[in-house]
């Protein structure tokens, strides 16, 4: 299932981890593991943040994906299913009684 992960990092903890090189290493490992459809890194309300869209194969991936963010940068993480336009089109077609 296509999922959107939003992670907002604790500034003080992320500052320490940026200086030590741990943030780059953790994010690289996350990108290699998830093979995301899209990944963006932004400033959100004055804090470092990431938005990553990826295919979650199994719910057991939740701790594997989230724990490094919690432990490394004290991130607040949100995971939610999301759709692209093709997914939305198929869902709307079902509602309209079309295949």
PDB file of N, CA and C in Angstrom:
ATOM      1  N   UNK A   1       0.845  -1.170   0.000  1.00  0.00           N
ATOM      2  CA  UNK A   1       0.000   0.000   0.000  1.00  0.00           C
ATOM      3  C   UNK A   1       0.897   1.242   0.000  1.00  0.00           C
ATOM      4  N   UNK A   2       0.533   2.187  -0.839  1.00  0.00           N
ATOM      5  CA  UNK A   2       1.294   3.439  -0.900  1.00  0.00           C
ATOM      6  C   UNK A   2       1.059   4.213   0.393  1.00  0.00           C
ATOM      7  N   UNK A   3       2.157   4.613   1.041  1.00  0.00           N
ATOM      8  CA  UNK A   3       2.087   5.343   2.309  1.00  0.00           C
ATOM      9  C   UNK A   3       2.882   6.636   2.205  1.00  0.00           C
ATOM     10  N   UNK A   4       2.404   7.639   2.940  1.00  0.00           N
ATOM     11  CA  UNK A   4       3.157   8.883   3.068  1.00  0.00           C
ATOM     12  C   UNK A   4       3.631   8.992   4.510  1.00  0.00           C
ATOM     13  N   UNK A   5       4.929   9.103   4.672  1.00  0.00           N
ATOM     14  CA  UNK A   5       5.539   9.293   5.975  1.00  0.00           C
ATOM     15  C   UNK A   5       5.928  10.756   6.104  1.00  0.00           C
ATOM     16  N   UNK A   6       5.541  11.367   7.204  1.00  0.00           N
ATOM     17  CA  UNK A   6       5.972  12.732   7.529  1.00  0.00           C
ATOM     18  C   UNK A   6       6.721  12.626   8.844  1.00  0.00           C
ATOM     19  N   UNK A   7       7.966  13.073   8.845  1.00  0.00           N
ATOM     20  CA  UNK A   7       8.783  13.032  10.058  1.00  0.00           C
ATOM     21  C   UNK A   7       9.305  14.429  10.337  1.00  0.00           C
ATOM     22  N   UNK A   8       8.975  14.947  11.519  1.00  0.00           N
ATOM     23  CA  UNK A   8       9.468  16.249  11.949  1.00  0.00           C
ATOM     24  C   UNK A   8      10.458  16.000  13.080  1.00  0.00           C
ATOM     25  N   UNK A   9      11.681  16.487  12.896  1.00  0.00           N
ATOM     26  CA  UNK A   9      12.777  16.166  13.805  1.00  0.00           C
ATOM     27  C   UNK A   9      12.903  17.178  14.939  1.00  0.00           C
ATOM     28  N   UNK A  10      13.273  16.680  16.114  1.00  0.00           N
ATOM     29  CA  UNK A  10      13.595  17.540  17.241  1.00  0.00           C
ATOM     30  C   UNK A  10      14.854  18.332  16.879  1.00  0.00           C
ATOM     31  N   UNK A  11      14.795  19.652  16.966  1.00  0.00           N
ATOM     32  CA  UNK A  11      15.895  20.493  16.491  1.00  0.00           C
ATOM     33  C   UNK A  11      17.185  20.249  17.255  1.00  0.00           C
ATOM     34  N   UNK A  12      17.150  20.252  18.569  1.00  0.00           N
ATOM     35  CA  UNK A  12      18.378  20.085  19.353  1.00  0.00           C
ATOM     36  C   UNK A  12      19.020  18.724  19.096  1.00  0.00           C
ATOM     37  N   UNK A  13      18.216  17.672  19.123  1.00  0.00           N
ATOM     38  CA  UNK A  13      18.755  16.329  18.892  1.00  0.00           C
ATOM     39  C   UNK A  13      19.244  16.184  17.457  1.00  0.00           C
ATOM     40  N   UNK A  14      18.488  16.712  16.502  1.00  0.00           N
ATOM     41  CA  UNK A  14      18.910  16.635  15.099  1.00  0.00           C
ATOM     42  C   UNK A  14      20.201  17.420  14.878  1.00  0.00           C
ATOM     43  N   UNK A  15      20.368  18.570  15.549  1.00  0.00           N
ATOM     44  CA  UNK A  15      21.617  19.330  15.429  1.00  0.00           C
ATOM     45  C   UNK A  15      22.810  18.479  15.835  1.00  0.00           C
ATOM     46  N   UNK A  16      22.699  17.786  16.967  1.00  0.00           N
ATOM     47  CA  UNK A  16      23.780  16.911  17.428  1.00  0.00           C
ATOM     48  C   UNK A  16      24.066  15.820  16.404  1.00  0.00           C
ATOM     49  N   UNK A  17      23.007  15.221  15.880  1.00  0.00           N
ATOM     50  CA  UNK A  17      23.175  14.113  14.947  1.00  0.00           C
ATOM     51  C   UNK A  17      23.685  14.575  13.585  1.00  0.00           C
ATOM     52  N   UNK A  18      23.334  15.785  13.173  1.00  0.00           N
ATOM     53  CA  UNK A  18      23.881  16.334  11.925  1.00  0.00           C
ATOM     54  C   UNK A  18      25.387  16.492  12.078  1.00  0.00           C
ATOM     55  N   UNK A  19      25.815  17.070  13.192  1.00  0.00           N
ATOM     56  CA  UNK A  19      27.255  17.287  13.431  1.00  0.00           C
ATOM     57  C   UNK A  19      28.026  15.973  13.461  1.00  0.00           C
ATOM     58  N   UNK A  20      27.418  14.921  13.982  1.00  0.00           N
ATOM     59  CA  UNK A  20      28.108  13.629  14.089  1.00  0.00           C
ATOM     60  C   UNK A  20      28.021  12.805  12.807  1.00  0.00           C
ATOM     61  N   UNK A  21      27.196  13.243  11.849  1.00  0.00           N
ATOM     62  CA  UNK A  21      27.031  12.496  10.604  1.00  0.00           C
ATOM     63  C   UNK A  21      25.962  11.426  10.661  1.00  0.00           C
ATOM     64  N   UNK A  22      25.303  11.280  11.804  1.00  0.00           N
ATOM     65  CA  UNK A  22      24.306  10.223  11.957  1.00  0.00           C
ATOM     66  C   UNK A  22      23.033  10.457  11.147  1.00  0.00           C
ATOM     67  N   UNK A  23      22.648  11.717  10.959  1.00  0.00           N
ATOM     68  CA  UNK A  23      21.418  11.993  10.199  1.00  0.00           C
ATOM     69  C   UNK A  23      21.570  11.527   8.761  1.00  0.00           C
ATOM     70  N   UNK A  24      22.677  11.898   8.131  1.00  0.00           N
ATOM     71  CA  UNK A  24      22.881  11.490   6.742  1.00  0.00           C
ATOM     72  C   UNK A  24      22.899   9.975   6.620  1.00  0.00           C
ATOM     73  N   UNK A  25      23.597   9.313   7.519  1.00  0.00           N
ATOM     74  CA  UNK A  25      23.680   7.854   7.491  1.00  0.00           C
ATOM     75  C   UNK A  25      22.303   7.215   7.678  1.00  0.00           C
ATOM     76  N   UNK A  26      21.534   7.701   8.653  1.00  0.00           N
ATOM     77  CA  UNK A  26      20.206   7.153   8.918  1.00  0.00           C
ATOM     78  C   UNK A  26      19.279   7.363   7.723  1.00  0.00           C
ATOM     79  N   UNK A  27      19.316   8.566   7.141  1.00  0.00           N
ATOM     80  CA  UNK A  27      18.450   8.842   5.988  1.00  0.00           C
ATOM     81  C   UNK A  27      18.859   8.012   4.773  1.00  0.00           C
ATOM     82  N   UNK A  28      20.148   7.840   4.554  1.00  0.00           N
ATOM     83  CA  UNK A  28      20.611   7.018   3.430  1.00  0.00           C
ATOM     84  C   UNK A  28      20.118   5.583   3.594  1.00  0.00           C
ATOM     85  N   UNK A  29      20.253   5.039   4.797  1.00  0.00           N
ATOM     86  CA  UNK A  29      19.775   3.673   5.051  1.00  0.00           C
ATOM     87  C   UNK A  29      18.266   3.570   4.836  1.00  0.00           C
ATOM     88  N   UNK A  30      17.535   4.589   5.287  1.00  0.00           N
ATOM     89  CA  UNK A  30      16.082   4.585   5.119  1.00  0.00           C
ATOM     90  C   UNK A  30      15.715   4.603   3.636  1.00  0.00           C
ATOM     91  N   UNK A  31      16.395   5.427   2.842  1.00  0.00           N
ATOM     92  CA  UNK A  31      16.108   5.511   1.407  1.00  0.00           C
ATOM     93  C   UNK A  31      16.436   4.191   0.712  1.00  0.00           C
ATOM     94  N   UNK A  32      17.557   3.568   1.086  1.00  0.00           N
ATOM     95  CA  UNK A  32      17.925   2.278   0.493  1.00  0.00           C
ATOM     96  C   UNK A  32      16.893   1.206   0.843  1.00  0.00           C
ATOM     97  N   UNK A  33      16.418   1.229   2.066  1.00  0.00           N
ATOM     98  CA  UNK A  33      15.452   0.229   2.522  1.00  0.00           C
ATOM     99  C   UNK A  33      14.081   0.432   1.882  1.00  0.00           C
ATOM    100  N   UNK A  34      13.603   1.667   1.837  1.00  0.00           N
ATOM    101  CA  UNK A  34      12.242   1.936   1.368  1.00  0.00           C
ATOM    102  C   UNK A  34      12.117   2.049  -0.141  1.00  0.00           C
ATOM    103  N   UNK A  35      13.194   2.419  -0.829  1.00  0.00           N
ATOM    104  CA  UNK A  35      13.130   2.668  -2.273  1.00  0.00           C
ATOM    105  C   UNK A  35      11.913   3.547  -2.575  1.00  0.00           C
ATOM    106  N   UNK A  36      11.882   4.763  -2.021  1.00  0.00           N
ATOM    107  CA  UNK A  36      10.668   5.583  -2.113  1.00  0.00           C
ATOM    108  C   UNK A  36      10.338   6.040  -3.525  1.00  0.00           C
ATOM    109  N   UNK A  37       9.051   6.234  -3.731  1.00  0.00           N
ATOM    110  CA  UNK A  37       8.536   6.834  -4.963  1.00  0.00           C
ATOM    111  C   UNK A  37       8.941   8.310  -5.011  1.00  0.00           C
ATOM    112  N   UNK A  38       8.958   8.945  -3.846  1.00  0.00           N
ATOM    113  CA  UNK A  38       9.361  10.351  -3.728  1.00  0.00           C
ATOM    114  C   UNK A  38       9.859  10.592  -2.313  1.00  0.00           C
ATOM    115  N   UNK A  39      10.819  11.501  -2.179  1.00  0.00           N
ATOM    116  CA  UNK A  39      11.324  11.900  -0.861  1.00  0.00           C
ATOM    117  C   UNK A  39      11.694  13.370  -0.928  1.00  0.00           C
ATOM    118  N   UNK A  40      11.176  14.128   0.021  1.00  0.00           N
ATOM    119  CA  UNK A  40      11.441  15.567   0.078  1.00  0.00           C
ATOM    120  C   UNK A  40      11.867  15.928   1.490  1.00  0.00           C
ATOM    121  N   UNK A  41      12.777  16.877   1.581  1.00  0.00           N
ATOM    122  CA  UNK A  41      13.286  17.330   2.868  1.00  0.00           C
ATOM    123  C   UNK A  41      13.028  18.824   2.947  1.00  0.00           C
ATOM    124  N   UNK A  42      12.346  19.245   4.012  1.00  0.00           N
ATOM    125  CA  UNK A  42      11.848  20.613   4.101  1.00  0.00           C
ATOM    126  C   UNK A  42      12.063  21.155   5.514  1.00  0.00           C
ATOM    127  N   UNK A  43      11.891  22.459   5.639  1.00  0.00           N
ATOM    128  CA  UNK A  43      11.793  23.090   6.955  1.00  0.00           C
ATOM    129  C   UNK A  43      10.307  23.276   7.229  1.00  0.00           C
ATOM    130  N   UNK A  44       9.859  22.757   8.361  1.00  0.00           N
ATOM    131  CA  UNK A  44       8.438  22.836   8.711  1.00  0.00           C
ATOM    132  C   UNK A  44       8.314  23.454  10.101  1.00  0.00           C
ATOM    133  N   UNK A  45       7.745  24.641  10.143  1.00  0.00           N
ATOM    134  CA  UNK A  45       7.595  25.371  11.401  1.00  0.00           C
ATOM    135  C   UNK A  45       8.927  25.473  12.141  1.00  0.00           C
ATOM    136  N   UNK A  46       9.983  25.758  11.392  1.00  0.00           N
ATOM    137  CA  UNK A  46      11.301  25.954  11.977  1.00  0.00           C
ATOM    138  C   UNK A  46      12.049  24.687  12.336  1.00  0.00           C
ATOM    139  N   UNK A  47      11.544  23.528  11.923  1.00  0.00           N
ATOM    140  CA  UNK A  47      12.191  22.249  12.236  1.00  0.00           C
ATOM    141  C   UNK A  47      12.474  21.483  10.953  1.00  0.00           C
ATOM    142  N   UNK A  48      13.517  20.671  10.991  1.00  0.00           N
ATOM    143  CA  UNK A  48      13.812  19.799   9.858  1.00  0.00           C
ATOM    144  C   UNK A  48      12.688  18.776   9.720  1.00  0.00           C
ATOM    145  N   UNK A  49      12.326  18.481   8.473  1.00  0.00           N
ATOM    146  CA  UNK A  49      11.257  17.505   8.252  1.00  0.00           C
ATOM    147  C   UNK A  49      11.514  16.741   6.961  1.00  0.00           C
ATOM    148  N   UNK A  50      10.915  15.576   6.879  1.00  0.00           N
ATOM    149  CA  UNK A  50      10.997  14.747   5.679  1.00  0.00           C
ATOM    150  C   UNK A  50       9.592  14.278   5.326  1.00  0.00           C
ATOM    151  N   UNK A  51       9.328  14.208   4.031  1.00  0.00           N
ATOM    152  CA  UNK A  51       8.083  13.648   3.507  1.00  0.00           C
ATOM    153  C   UNK A  51       8.501  12.571   2.517  1.00  0.00           C
ATOM    154  N   UNK A  52       8.107  11.338   2.789  1.00  0.00           N
ATOM    155  CA  UNK A  52       8.551  10.202   1.982  1.00  0.00           C
ATOM    156  C   UNK A  52       7.328   9.388   1.572  1.00  0.00           C
ATOM    157  N   UNK A  53       7.201   9.115   0.283  1.00  0.00           N
ATOM    158  CA  UNK A  53       6.114   8.281  -0.233  1.00  0.00           C
ATOM    159  C   UNK A  53       6.735   6.961  -0.674  1.00  0.00           C
ATOM    160  N   UNK A  54       6.215   5.871  -0.120  1.00  0.00           N
ATOM    161  CA  UNK A  54       6.798   4.558  -0.407  1.00  0.00           C
ATOM    162  C   UNK A  54       5.712   3.492  -0.356  1.00  0.00           C
ATOM    163  N   UNK A  55       6.042   2.301  -0.843  1.00  0.00           N
ATOM    164  CA  UNK A  55       5.109   1.178  -0.836  1.00  0.00           C
ATOM    165  C   UNK A  55       5.359   0.343   0.413  1.00  0.00           C
ATOM    166  N   UNK A  56       4.391   0.309   1.326  1.00  0.00           N
ATOM    167  CA  UNK A  56       4.516  -0.510   2.525  1.00  0.00           C
ATOM    168  C   UNK A  56       3.949  -1.889   2.209  1.00  0.00           C
ATOM    169  N   UNK A  57       4.813  -2.880   2.233  1.00  0.00           N
ATOM    170  CA  UNK A  57       4.425  -4.243   1.898  1.00  0.00           C
ATOM    171  C   UNK A  57       3.638  -4.922   3.015  1.00  0.00           C
ATOM    172  N   UNK A  58       3.962  -4.565   4.271  1.00  0.00           N
ATOM    173  CA  UNK A  58       3.372  -5.262   5.410  1.00  0.00           C
ATOM    174  C   UNK A  58       3.370  -4.322   6.615  1.00  0.00           C
ATOM    175  N   UNK A  59       2.334  -4.373   7.452  1.00  0.00           N
ATOM    176  CA  UNK A  59       2.295  -3.499   8.628  1.00  0.00           C
ATOM    177  C   UNK A  59       3.474  -3.699   9.581  1.00  0.00           C
ATOM    178  N   UNK A  60       4.114  -4.862   9.520  1.00  0.00           N
ATOM    179  CA  UNK A  60       5.269  -5.093  10.393  1.00  0.00           C
ATOM    180  C   UNK A  60       6.439  -4.175  10.050  1.00  0.00           C
ATOM    181  N   UNK A  61       6.357  -3.469   8.925  1.00  0.00           N
ATOM    182  CA  UNK A  61       7.393  -2.503   8.569  1.00  0.00           C
ATOM    183  C   UNK A  61       7.331  -1.237   9.420  1.00  0.00           C
ATOM    184  N   UNK A  62       6.210  -0.985  10.089  1.00  0.00           N
ATOM    185  CA  UNK A  62       6.056   0.271  10.835  1.00  0.00           C
ATOM    186  C   UNK A  62       7.201   0.485  11.826  1.00  0.00           C
ATOM    187  N   UNK A  63       7.493  -0.453  12.737  1.00  0.00           N
ATOM    188  CA  UNK A  63       8.593  -0.182  13.660  1.00  0.00           C
ATOM    189  C   UNK A  63       9.951  -0.104  12.963  1.00  0.00           C
ATOM    190  N   UNK A  64      10.131  -0.890  11.926  1.00  0.00           N
ATOM    191  CA  UNK A  64      11.401  -0.870  11.196  1.00  0.00           C
ATOM    192  C   UNK A  64      11.636   0.498  10.566  1.00  0.00           C
ATOM    193  N   UNK A  65      10.573   1.106  10.069  1.00  0.00           N
ATOM    194  CA  UNK A  65      10.668   2.419   9.431  1.00  0.00           C
ATOM    195  C   UNK A  65      10.758   3.535  10.470  1.00  0.00           C
ATOM    196  N   UNK A  66       9.939   3.467  11.501  1.00  0.00           N
ATOM    197  CA  UNK A  66       9.805   4.592  12.438  1.00  0.00           C
ATOM    198  C   UNK A  66      10.861   4.639  13.533  1.00  0.00           C
ATOM    199  N   UNK A  67      11.263   3.500  14.067  1.00  0.00           N
ATOM    200  CA  UNK A  67      12.172   3.507  15.218  1.00  0.00           C
ATOM    201  C   UNK A  67      13.479   4.258  14.969  1.00  0.00           C
ATOM    202  N   UNK A  68      14.135   4.099  13.818  1.00  0.00           N
ATOM    203  CA  UNK A  68      15.360   4.881  13.610  1.00  0.00           C
ATOM    204  C   UNK A  68      15.112   6.390  13.676  1.00  0.00           C
ATOM    205  N   UNK A  69      13.959   6.833  13.213  1.00  0.00           N
ATOM    206  CA  UNK A  69      13.622   8.257  13.279  1.00  0.00           C
ATOM    207  C   UNK A  69      13.383   8.692  14.723  1.00  0.00           C
ATOM    208  N   UNK A  70      12.702   7.865  15.499  1.00  0.00           N
ATOM    209  CA  UNK A  70      12.476   8.179  16.914  1.00  0.00           C
ATOM    210  C   UNK A  70      13.807   8.229  17.667  1.00  0.00           C
ATOM    211  N   UNK A  71      14.621   7.199  17.467  1.00  0.00           N
ATOM    212  CA  UNK A  71      15.846   7.049  18.245  1.00  0.00           C
ATOM    213  C   UNK A  71      16.949   8.019  17.840  1.00  0.00           C
ATOM    214  N   UNK A  72      17.086   8.274  16.542  1.00  0.00           N
ATOM    215  CA  UNK A  72      18.194   9.098  16.058  1.00  0.00           C
ATOM    216  C   UNK A  72      17.925  10.580  16.212  1.00  0.00           C
ATOM    217  N   UNK A  73      16.728  11.027  15.851  1.00  0.00           N
ATOM    218  CA  UNK A  73      16.453  12.472  15.813  1.00  0.00           C
ATOM    219  C   UNK A  73      15.208  12.875  16.594  1.00  0.00           C
ATOM    220  N   UNK A  74      14.689  11.987  17.429  1.00  0.00           N
ATOM    221  CA  UNK A  74      13.516  12.324  18.229  1.00  0.00           C
ATOM    222  C   UNK A  74      12.346  12.807  17.395  1.00  0.00           C
ATOM    223  N   UNK A  75      12.148  12.180  16.241  1.00  0.00           N
ATOM    224  CA  UNK A  75      11.137  12.651  15.287  1.00  0.00           C
ATOM    225  C   UNK A  75       9.717  12.356  15.750  1.00  0.00           C
ATOM    226  N   UNK A  76       8.819  13.251  15.390  1.00  0.00           N
ATOM    227  CA  UNK A  76       7.386  12.989  15.442  1.00  0.00           C
ATOM    228  C   UNK A  76       7.032  12.456  14.061  1.00  0.00           C
ATOM    229  N   UNK A  77       6.455  11.264  14.008  1.00  0.00           N
ATOM    230  CA  UNK A  77       6.234  10.580  12.734  1.00  0.00           C
ATOM    231  C   UNK A  77       4.746  10.334  12.523  1.00  0.00           C
ATOM    232  N   UNK A  78       4.297  10.611  11.309  1.00  0.00           N
ATOM    233  CA  UNK A  78       2.936  10.295  10.893  1.00  0.00           C
ATOM    234  C   UNK A  78       3.027   9.418   9.656  1.00  0.00           C
ATOM    235  N   UNK A  79       2.279   8.328   9.663  1.00  0.00           N
ATOM    236  CA  UNK A  79       2.162   7.451   8.498  1.00  0.00           C
ATOM    237  C   UNK A  79       0.700   7.431   8.085  1.00  0.00           C
ATOM    238  N   UNK A  80       0.449   7.623   6.787  1.00  0.00           N
ATOM    239  CA  UNK A  80      -0.936   7.531   6.333  1.00  0.00           C
ATOM    240  C   UNK A  80      -0.980   7.004   4.909  1.00  0.00           C
ATOM    241  N   UNK A  81      -2.007   6.202   4.606  1.00  0.00           N
ATOM    242  CA  UNK A  81      -2.177   5.750   3.227  1.00  0.00           C
ATOM    243  C   UNK A  81      -2.413   6.961   2.334  1.00  0.00           C
ATOM    244  N   UNK A  82      -1.934   6.875   1.105  1.00  0.00           N
ATOM    245  CA  UNK A  82      -2.173   7.964   0.155  1.00  0.00           C
ATOM    246  C   UNK A  82      -2.367   7.376  -1.241  1.00  0.00           C
ATOM    247  N   UNK A  83      -2.926   8.187  -2.128  1.00  0.00           N
ATOM    248  CA  UNK A  83      -3.234   7.753  -3.489  1.00  0.00           C
ATOM    249  C   UNK A  83      -2.589   8.691  -4.487  1.00  0.00           C
ATOM    250  N   UNK A  84      -2.281   8.131  -5.651  1.00  0.00           N
ATOM    251  CA  UNK A  84      -1.951   8.998  -6.775  1.00  0.00           C
ATOM    252  C   UNK A  84      -3.237   9.159  -7.599  1.00  0.00           C
ATOM    253  N   UNK A  85      -3.156   9.895  -8.681  1.00  0.00           N
ATOM    254  CA  UNK A  85      -4.364  10.172  -9.467  1.00  0.00           C
ATOM    255  C   UNK A  85      -4.990   8.897 -10.029  1.00  0.00           C
ATOM    256  N   UNK A  86      -4.170   7.942 -10.432  1.00  0.00           N
ATOM    257  CA  UNK A  86      -4.699   6.688 -10.971  1.00  0.00           C
ATOM    258  C   UNK A  86      -5.463   5.912  -9.898  1.00  0.00           C
ATOM    259  N   UNK A  87      -4.933   5.866  -8.684  1.00  0.00           N
ATOM    260  CA  UNK A  87      -5.644   5.208  -7.582  1.00  0.00           C
ATOM    261  C   UNK A  87      -6.994   5.878  -7.337  1.00  0.00           C
ATOM    262  N   UNK A  88      -7.008   7.200  -7.316  1.00  0.00           N
ATOM    263  CA  UNK A  88      -8.249   7.945  -7.096  1.00  0.00           C
ATOM    264  C   UNK A  88      -9.251   7.673  -8.211  1.00  0.00           C
ATOM    265  N   UNK A  89      -8.770   7.655  -9.454  1.00  0.00           N
ATOM    266  CA  UNK A  89      -9.643   7.397 -10.596  1.00  0.00           C
ATOM    267  C   UNK A  89     -10.307   6.027 -10.462  1.00  0.00           C
ATOM    268  N   UNK A  90      -9.521   4.998 -10.094  1.00  0.00           N
ATOM    269  CA  UNK A  90     -10.076   3.650  -9.936  1.00  0.00           C
ATOM    270  C   UNK A  90     -11.113   3.609  -8.816  1.00  0.00           C
ATOM    271  N   UNK A  91     -10.825   4.266  -7.706  1.00  0.00           N
ATOM    272  CA  UNK A  91     -11.777   4.296  -6.596  1.00  0.00           C
ATOM    273  C   UNK A  91     -13.072   4.994  -6.971  1.00  0.00           C
ATOM    274  N   UNK A  92     -12.961   6.110  -7.674  1.00  0.00           N
ATOM    275  CA  UNK A  92     -14.160   6.839  -8.100  1.00  0.00           C
ATOM    276  C   UNK A  92     -14.965   6.040  -9.117  1.00  0.00           C
ATOM    277  N   UNK A  93     -14.276   5.283  -9.978  1.00  0.00           N
ATOM    278  CA  UNK A  93     -14.974   4.450 -10.957  1.00  0.00           C
ATOM    279  C   UNK A  93     -15.796   3.374 -10.250  1.00  0.00           C
ATOM    280  N   UNK A  94     -15.249   2.792  -9.193  1.00  0.00           N
ATOM    281  CA  UNK A  94     -15.991   1.788  -8.425  1.00  0.00           C
ATOM    282  C   UNK A  94     -17.240   2.424  -7.818  1.00  0.00           C
ATOM    283  N   UNK A  95     -17.100   3.616  -7.256  1.00  0.00           N
ATOM    284  CA  UNK A  95     -18.257   4.308  -6.673  1.00  0.00           C
ATOM    285  C   UNK A  95     -19.331   4.604  -7.713  1.00  0.00           C
ATOM    286  N   UNK A  96     -18.898   4.886  -8.938  1.00  0.00           N
ATOM    287  CA  UNK A  96     -19.840   5.211 -10.010  1.00  0.00           C
ATOM    288  C   UNK A  96     -20.382   3.958 -10.696  1.00  0.00           C
ATOM    289  N   UNK A  97     -19.930   2.769 -10.248  1.00  0.00           N
ATOM    290  CA  UNK A  97     -20.412   1.526 -10.827  1.00  0.00           C
ATOM    291  C   UNK A  97     -19.749   1.168 -12.140  1.00  0.00           C
ATOM    292  N   UNK A  98     -18.578   1.757 -12.399  1.00  0.00           N
ATOM    293  CA  UNK A  98     -17.827   1.435 -13.621  1.00  0.00           C
ATOM    294  C   UNK A  98     -16.635   0.566 -13.241  1.00  0.00           C
ATOM    295  N   UNK A  99     -16.209  -0.296 -14.161  1.00  0.00           N
ATOM    296  CA  UNK A  99     -15.023  -1.138 -13.879  1.00  0.00           C
ATOM    297  C   UNK A  99     -13.745  -0.334 -13.890  1.00  0.00           C
TER     298      UNK A  99
END
